[in-house]
Amino acid sequence: DKRSRKQSSQTINLALNAVKFLYAEVLKNLIYFFLHTLFLSIKRPGANIAVRIGLGNGEGVHSRRD
């Protein structure tokens, strides 16, 4: 009886570890996807914005004809 109880608790621990691992993986992927989408949506309104910020020497700021 004791042995079977120990085995079931072992199984529960394994299941919990698997769930934790899956949860971490899903969370990681969600965060990555969110950041990726955010980055794309920031880039999209005008790829020049990123270039302007990248230049930063006032070069891109002066040629602003929107």
PDB file of N, CA and C in Angstrom:
ATOM      1  N   ASP A   1       0.849  -1.210   0.000  1.00  0.00           N
ATOM      2  CA  ASP A   1       0.000   0.000   0.000  1.00  0.00           C
ATOM      3  C   ASP A   1       0.881   1.255   0.000  1.00  0.00           C
ATOM      4  N   LYS A   2       1.900   1.223   0.879  1.00  0.00           N
ATOM      5  CA  LYS A   2       2.800   2.380   0.945  1.00  0.00           C
ATOM      6  C   LYS A   2       3.505   2.586  -0.389  1.00  0.00           C
ATOM      7  N   ARG A   3       3.914   1.450  -0.989  1.00  0.00           N
ATOM      8  CA  ARG A   3       4.677   1.542  -2.229  1.00  0.00           C
ATOM      9  C   ARG A   3       3.841   2.170  -3.339  1.00  0.00           C
ATOM     10  N   SER A   4       2.583   1.779  -3.436  1.00  0.00           N
ATOM     11  CA  SER A   4       1.720   2.309  -4.498  1.00  0.00           C
ATOM     12  C   SER A   4       1.472   3.804  -4.281  1.00  0.00           C
ATOM     13  N   ARG A   5       1.358   4.200  -3.010  1.00  0.00           N
ATOM     14  CA  ARG A   5       1.140   5.616  -2.722  1.00  0.00           C
ATOM     15  C   ARG A   5       2.374   6.422  -3.147  1.00  0.00           C
ATOM     16  N   LYS A   6       3.562   5.868  -2.859  1.00  0.00           N
ATOM     17  CA  LYS A   6       4.800   6.538  -3.235  1.00  0.00           C
ATOM     18  C   LYS A   6       4.868   6.680  -4.752  1.00  0.00           C
ATOM     19  N   GLN A   7       4.475   5.612  -5.443  1.00  0.00           N
ATOM     20  CA  GLN A   7       4.526   5.632  -6.901  1.00  0.00           C
ATOM     21  C   GLN A   7       3.576   6.686  -7.458  1.00  0.00           C
ATOM     22  N   SER A   8       2.388   6.786  -6.883  1.00  0.00           N
ATOM     23  CA  SER A   8       1.415   7.757  -7.395  1.00  0.00           C
ATOM     24  C   SER A   8       1.909   9.181  -7.147  1.00  0.00           C
ATOM     25  N   SER A   9       2.563   9.408  -5.998  1.00  0.00           N
ATOM     26  CA  SER A   9       3.084  10.751  -5.727  1.00  0.00           C
ATOM     27  C   SER A   9       4.213  11.064  -6.700  1.00  0.00           C
ATOM     28  N   GLN A  10       4.985  10.025  -7.060  1.00  0.00           N
ATOM     29  CA  GLN A  10       6.052  10.204  -8.041  1.00  0.00           C
ATOM     30  C   GLN A  10       5.453  10.594  -9.382  1.00  0.00           C
ATOM     31  N   THR A  11       4.376   9.915  -9.749  1.00  0.00           N
ATOM     32  CA  THR A  11       3.703  10.205 -11.015  1.00  0.00           C
ATOM     33  C   THR A  11       3.174  11.635 -11.006  1.00  0.00           C
ATOM     34  N   ILE A  12       2.599  12.034  -9.869  1.00  0.00           N
ATOM     35  CA  ILE A  12       2.063  13.391  -9.749  1.00  0.00           C
ATOM     36  C   ILE A  12       3.190  14.409  -9.913  1.00  0.00           C
ATOM     37  N   ASN A  13       4.335  14.127  -9.282  1.00  0.00           N
ATOM     38  CA  ASN A  13       5.475  15.036  -9.403  1.00  0.00           C
ATOM     39  C   ASN A  13       5.937  15.143 -10.842  1.00  0.00           C
ATOM     40  N   LEU A  14       5.989  14.000 -11.529  1.00  0.00           N
ATOM     41  CA  LEU A  14       6.394  14.003 -12.934  1.00  0.00           C
ATOM     42  C   LEU A  14       5.425  14.844 -13.749  1.00  0.00           C
ATOM     43  N   ALA A  15       4.142  14.648 -13.489  1.00  0.00           N
ATOM     44  CA  ALA A  15       3.122  15.395 -14.227  1.00  0.00           C
ATOM     45  C   ALA A  15       3.267  16.894 -13.959  1.00  0.00           C
ATOM     46  N   LEU A  16       3.490  17.251 -12.704  1.00  0.00           N
ATOM     47  CA  LEU A  16       3.657  18.661 -12.345  1.00  0.00           C
ATOM     48  C   LEU A  16       4.867  19.261 -13.045  1.00  0.00           C
ATOM     49  N   ASN A  17       5.965  18.500 -13.063  1.00  0.00           N
ATOM     50  CA  ASN A  17       7.168  18.994 -13.733  1.00  0.00           C
ATOM     51  C   ASN A  17       6.912  19.195 -15.217  1.00  0.00           C
ATOM     52  N   ALA A  18       6.196  18.248 -15.818  1.00  0.00           N
ATOM     53  CA  ALA A  18       5.882  18.358 -17.243  1.00  0.00           C
ATOM     54  C   ALA A  18       5.032  19.599 -17.493  1.00  0.00           C
ATOM     55  N   VAL A  19       4.042  19.812 -16.633  1.00  0.00           N
ATOM     56  CA  VAL A  19       3.159  20.972 -16.778  1.00  0.00           C
ATOM     57  C   VAL A  19       3.957  22.265 -16.623  1.00  0.00           C
ATOM     58  N   LYS A  20       4.828  22.288 -15.605  1.00  0.00           N
ATOM     59  CA  LYS A  20       5.662  23.472 -15.385  1.00  0.00           C
ATOM     60  C   LYS A  20       6.508  23.763 -16.614  1.00  0.00           C
ATOM     61  N   PHE A  21       7.114  22.694 -17.155  1.00  0.00           N
ATOM     62  CA  PHE A  21       7.985  22.854 -18.320  1.00  0.00           C
ATOM     63  C   PHE A  21       7.190  23.393 -19.498  1.00  0.00           C
ATOM     64  N   LEU A  22       6.028  22.780 -19.748  1.00  0.00           N
ATOM     65  CA  LEU A  22       5.188  23.216 -20.869  1.00  0.00           C
ATOM     66  C   LEU A  22       4.754  24.662 -20.671  1.00  0.00           C
ATOM     67  N   TYR A  23       4.375  24.989 -19.439  1.00  0.00           N
ATOM     68  CA  TYR A  23       3.919  26.342 -19.131  1.00  0.00           C
ATOM     69  C   TYR A  23       5.028  27.348 -19.419  1.00  0.00           C
ATOM     70  N   ALA A  24       6.248  27.003 -18.993  1.00  0.00           N
ATOM     71  CA  ALA A  24       7.387  27.890 -19.221  1.00  0.00           C
ATOM     72  C   ALA A  24       7.626  28.069 -20.715  1.00  0.00           C
ATOM     73  N   GLU A  25       7.549  26.970 -21.465  1.00  0.00           N
ATOM     74  CA  GLU A  25       7.770  27.038 -22.910  1.00  0.00           C
ATOM     75  C   GLU A  25       6.715  27.921 -23.572  1.00  0.00           C
ATOM     76  N   VAL A  26       5.463  27.690 -23.219  1.00  0.00           N
ATOM     77  CA  VAL A  26       4.365  28.462 -23.811  1.00  0.00           C
ATOM     78  C   VAL A  26       4.525  29.939 -23.472  1.00  0.00           C
ATOM     79  N   LEU A  27       4.858  30.211 -22.219  1.00  0.00           N
ATOM     80  CA  LEU A  27       5.037  31.588 -21.762  1.00  0.00           C
ATOM     81  C   LEU A  27       6.157  32.261 -22.549  1.00  0.00           C
ATOM     82  N   LYS A  28       7.264  31.513 -22.721  1.00  0.00           N
ATOM     83  CA  LYS A  28       8.404  32.040 -23.470  1.00  0.00           C
ATOM     84  C   LYS A  28       7.982  32.386 -24.892  1.00  0.00           C
ATOM     85  N   ASN A  29       7.257  31.457 -25.516  1.00  0.00           N
ATOM     86  CA  ASN A  29       6.824  31.678 -26.897  1.00  0.00           C
ATOM     87  C   ASN A  29       5.856  32.849 -26.995  1.00  0.00           C
ATOM     88  N   LEU A  30       4.963  32.971 -26.018  1.00  0.00           N
ATOM     89  CA  LEU A  30       4.002  34.074 -26.016  1.00  0.00           C
ATOM     90  C   LEU A  30       4.726  35.408 -25.904  1.00  0.00           C
ATOM     91  N   ILE A  31       5.672  35.474 -24.979  1.00  0.00           N
ATOM     92  CA  ILE A  31       6.426  36.714 -24.793  1.00  0.00           C
ATOM     93  C   ILE A  31       7.186  37.060 -26.062  1.00  0.00           C
ATOM     94  N   TYR A  32       7.831  36.033 -26.654  1.00  0.00           N
ATOM     95  CA  TYR A  32       8.590  36.269 -27.880  1.00  0.00           C
ATOM     96  C   TYR A  32       7.668  36.769 -28.984  1.00  0.00           C
ATOM     97  N   PHE A  33       6.515  36.105 -29.118  1.00  0.00           N
ATOM     98  CA  PHE A  33       5.555  36.480 -30.158  1.00  0.00           C
ATOM     99  C   PHE A  33       5.065  37.908 -29.941  1.00  0.00           C
ATOM    100  N   PHE A  34       4.775  38.232 -28.671  1.00  0.00           N
ATOM    101  CA  PHE A  34       4.285  39.566 -28.335  1.00  0.00           C
ATOM    102  C   PHE A  34       5.326  40.627 -28.682  1.00  0.00           C
ATOM    103  N   LEU A  35       6.565  40.380 -28.267  1.00  0.00           N
ATOM    104  CA  LEU A  35       7.636  41.339 -28.548  1.00  0.00           C
ATOM    105  C   LEU A  35       7.860  41.472 -30.039  1.00  0.00           C
ATOM    106  N   HIS A  36       7.815  40.346 -30.738  1.00  0.00           N
ATOM    107  CA  HIS A  36       8.024  40.345 -32.185  1.00  0.00           C
ATOM    108  C   HIS A  36       6.943  41.184 -32.871  1.00  0.00           C
ATOM    109  N   THR A  37       5.684  40.941 -32.477  1.00  0.00           N
ATOM    110  CA  THR A  37       4.570  41.686 -33.065  1.00  0.00           C
ATOM    111  C   THR A  37       4.696  43.167 -32.739  1.00  0.00           C
ATOM    112  N   LEU A  38       5.050  43.454 -31.490  1.00  0.00           N
ATOM    113  CA  LEU A  38       5.221  44.838 -31.055  1.00  0.00           C
ATOM    114  C   LEU A  38       6.295  45.514 -31.896  1.00  0.00           C
ATOM    115  N   PHE A  39       7.413  44.817 -32.074  1.00  0.00           N
ATOM    116  CA  PHE A  39       8.525  45.365 -32.849  1.00  0.00           C
ATOM    117  C   PHE A  39       8.087  45.640 -34.281  1.00  0.00           C
ATOM    118  N   LEU A  40       7.359  44.682 -34.866  1.00  0.00           N
ATOM    119  CA  LEU A  40       6.897  44.850 -36.244  1.00  0.00           C
ATOM    120  C   LEU A  40       5.939  46.023 -36.350  1.00  0.00           C
ATOM    121  N   SER A  41       5.022  46.137 -35.384  1.00  0.00           N
ATOM    122  CA  SER A  41       4.030  47.214 -35.451  1.00  0.00           C
ATOM    123  C   SER A  41       4.699  48.568 -35.234  1.00  0.00           C
ATOM    124  N   ILE A  42       5.797  48.579 -34.489  1.00  0.00           N
ATOM    125  CA  ILE A  42       6.537  49.836 -34.311  1.00  0.00           C
ATOM    126  C   ILE A  42       7.251  50.179 -35.612  1.00  0.00           C
ATOM    127  N   LYS A  43       7.803  49.155 -36.256  1.00  0.00           N
ATOM    128  CA  LYS A  43       8.562  49.378 -37.484  1.00  0.00           C
ATOM    129  C   LYS A  43       7.672  49.791 -38.641  1.00  0.00           C
ATOM    130  N   ARG A  44       6.460  49.233 -38.695  1.00  0.00           N
ATOM    131  CA  ARG A  44       5.620  49.381 -39.875  1.00  0.00           C
ATOM    132  C   ARG A  44       5.237  50.819 -40.203  1.00  0.00           C
ATOM    133  N   PRO A  45       4.785  51.655 -39.239  1.00  0.00           N
ATOM    134  CA  PRO A  45       4.250  52.986 -39.579  1.00  0.00           C
ATOM    135  C   PRO A  45       5.162  53.791 -40.480  1.00  0.00           C
ATOM    136  N   GLY A  46       6.407  53.429 -40.575  1.00  0.00           N
ATOM    137  CA  GLY A  46       7.349  54.082 -41.472  1.00  0.00           C
ATOM    138  C   GLY A  46       8.702  53.548 -41.103  1.00  0.00           C
ATOM    139  N   ALA A  47       9.266  52.764 -41.983  1.00  0.00           N
ATOM    140  CA  ALA A  47      10.570  52.176 -41.665  1.00  0.00           C
ATOM    141  C   ALA A  47      11.593  53.279 -41.451  1.00  0.00           C
ATOM    142  N   ASN A  48      11.263  54.499 -41.898  1.00  0.00           N
ATOM    143  CA  ASN A  48      12.193  55.615 -41.751  1.00  0.00           C
ATOM    144  C   ASN A  48      12.376  55.978 -40.282  1.00  0.00           C
ATOM    145  N   ILE A  49      11.313  55.790 -39.479  1.00  0.00           N
ATOM    146  CA  ILE A  49      11.402  56.172 -38.068  1.00  0.00           C
ATOM    147  C   ILE A  49      12.593  55.474 -37.426  1.00  0.00           C
ATOM    148  N   ALA A  50      12.699  54.166 -37.677  1.00  0.00           N
ATOM    149  CA  ALA A  50      13.811  53.404 -37.113  1.00  0.00           C
ATOM    150  C   ALA A  50      15.127  53.928 -37.664  1.00  0.00           C
ATOM    151  N   VAL A  51      15.133  54.252 -38.952  1.00  0.00           N
ATOM    152  CA  VAL A  51      16.354  54.769 -39.578  1.00  0.00           C
ATOM    153  C   VAL A  51      16.707  56.124 -38.979  1.00  0.00           C
ATOM    154  N   ARG A  52      15.690  56.972 -38.814  1.00  0.00           N
ATOM    155  CA  ARG A  52      15.928  58.304 -38.246  1.00  0.00           C
ATOM    156  C   ARG A  52      16.516  58.196 -36.853  1.00  0.00           C
ATOM    157  N   ILE A  53      15.895  57.310 -36.058  1.00  0.00           N
ATOM    158  CA  ILE A  53      16.403  57.131 -34.696  1.00  0.00           C
ATOM    159  C   ILE A  53      17.827  56.583 -34.765  1.00  0.00           C
ATOM    160  N   GLY A  54      18.050  55.678 -35.721  1.00  0.00           N
ATOM    161  CA  GLY A  54      19.367  55.071 -35.876  1.00  0.00           C
ATOM    162  C   GLY A  54      20.413  56.095 -36.264  1.00  0.00           C
ATOM    163  N   LEU A  55      20.053  57.016 -37.168  1.00  0.00           N
ATOM    164  CA  LEU A  55      20.998  58.059 -37.588  1.00  0.00           C
ATOM    165  C   LEU A  55      21.308  58.956 -36.398  1.00  0.00           C
ATOM    166  N   GLY A  56      20.231  59.563 -35.875  1.00  0.00           N
ATOM    167  CA  GLY A  56      20.376  60.328 -34.643  1.00  0.00           C
ATOM    168  C   GLY A  56      21.287  61.535 -34.746  1.00  0.00           C
ATOM    169  N   ASN A  57      21.932  61.759 -35.887  1.00  0.00           N
ATOM    170  CA  ASN A  57      22.845  62.895 -36.026  1.00  0.00           C
ATOM    171  C   ASN A  57      22.119  64.123 -36.558  1.00  0.00           C
ATOM    172  N   GLY A  58      20.775  64.120 -36.455  1.00  0.00           N
ATOM    173  CA  GLY A  58      20.017  65.238 -36.993  1.00  0.00           C
ATOM    174  C   GLY A  58      19.888  65.132 -38.502  1.00  0.00           C
ATOM    175  N   GLU A  59      20.549  64.160 -39.086  1.00  0.00           N
ATOM    176  CA  GLU A  59      20.520  63.988 -40.533  1.00  0.00           C
ATOM    177  C   GLU A  59      19.111  63.632 -40.994  1.00  0.00           C
ATOM    178  N   GLY A  60      18.522  62.631 -40.309  1.00  0.00           N
ATOM    179  CA  GLY A  60      17.189  62.188 -40.697  1.00  0.00           C
ATOM    180  C   GLY A  60      16.122  63.152 -40.211  1.00  0.00           C
ATOM    181  N   VAL A  61      16.410  63.885 -39.152  1.00  0.00           N
ATOM    182  CA  VAL A  61      15.409  64.782 -38.577  1.00  0.00           C
ATOM    183  C   VAL A  61      15.137  65.949 -39.514  1.00  0.00           C
ATOM    184  N   HIS A  62      16.168  66.476 -40.147  1.00  0.00           N
ATOM    185  CA  HIS A  62      16.000  67.643 -41.014  1.00  0.00           C
ATOM    186  C   HIS A  62      15.264  67.289 -42.295  1.00  0.00           C
ATOM    187  N   SER A  63      15.484  66.088 -42.819  1.00  0.00           N
ATOM    188  CA  SER A  63      14.832  65.689 -44.067  1.00  0.00           C
ATOM    189  C   SER A  63      13.456  65.110 -43.780  1.00  0.00           C
ATOM    190  N   ARG A  64      12.726  65.735 -42.839  1.00  0.00           N
ATOM    191  CA  ARG A  64      11.412  65.231 -42.452  1.00  0.00           C
ATOM    192  C   ARG A  64      10.355  65.961 -43.259  1.00  0.00           C
ATOM    193  N   ARG A  65       9.841  65.300 -44.304  1.00  0.00           N
ATOM    194  CA  ARG A  65       8.805  65.918 -45.124  1.00  0.00           C
ATOM    195  C   ARG A  65       7.576  65.015 -45.143  1.00  0.00           C
ATOM    196  N   ASP A  66       6.887  64.926 -43.985  1.00  0.00           N
ATOM    197  CA  ASP A  66       5.694  64.069 -43.916  1.00  0.00           C
ATOM    198  C   ASP A  66       4.476  64.902 -44.253  1.00  0.00           C
TER     199      ASP A  66
END
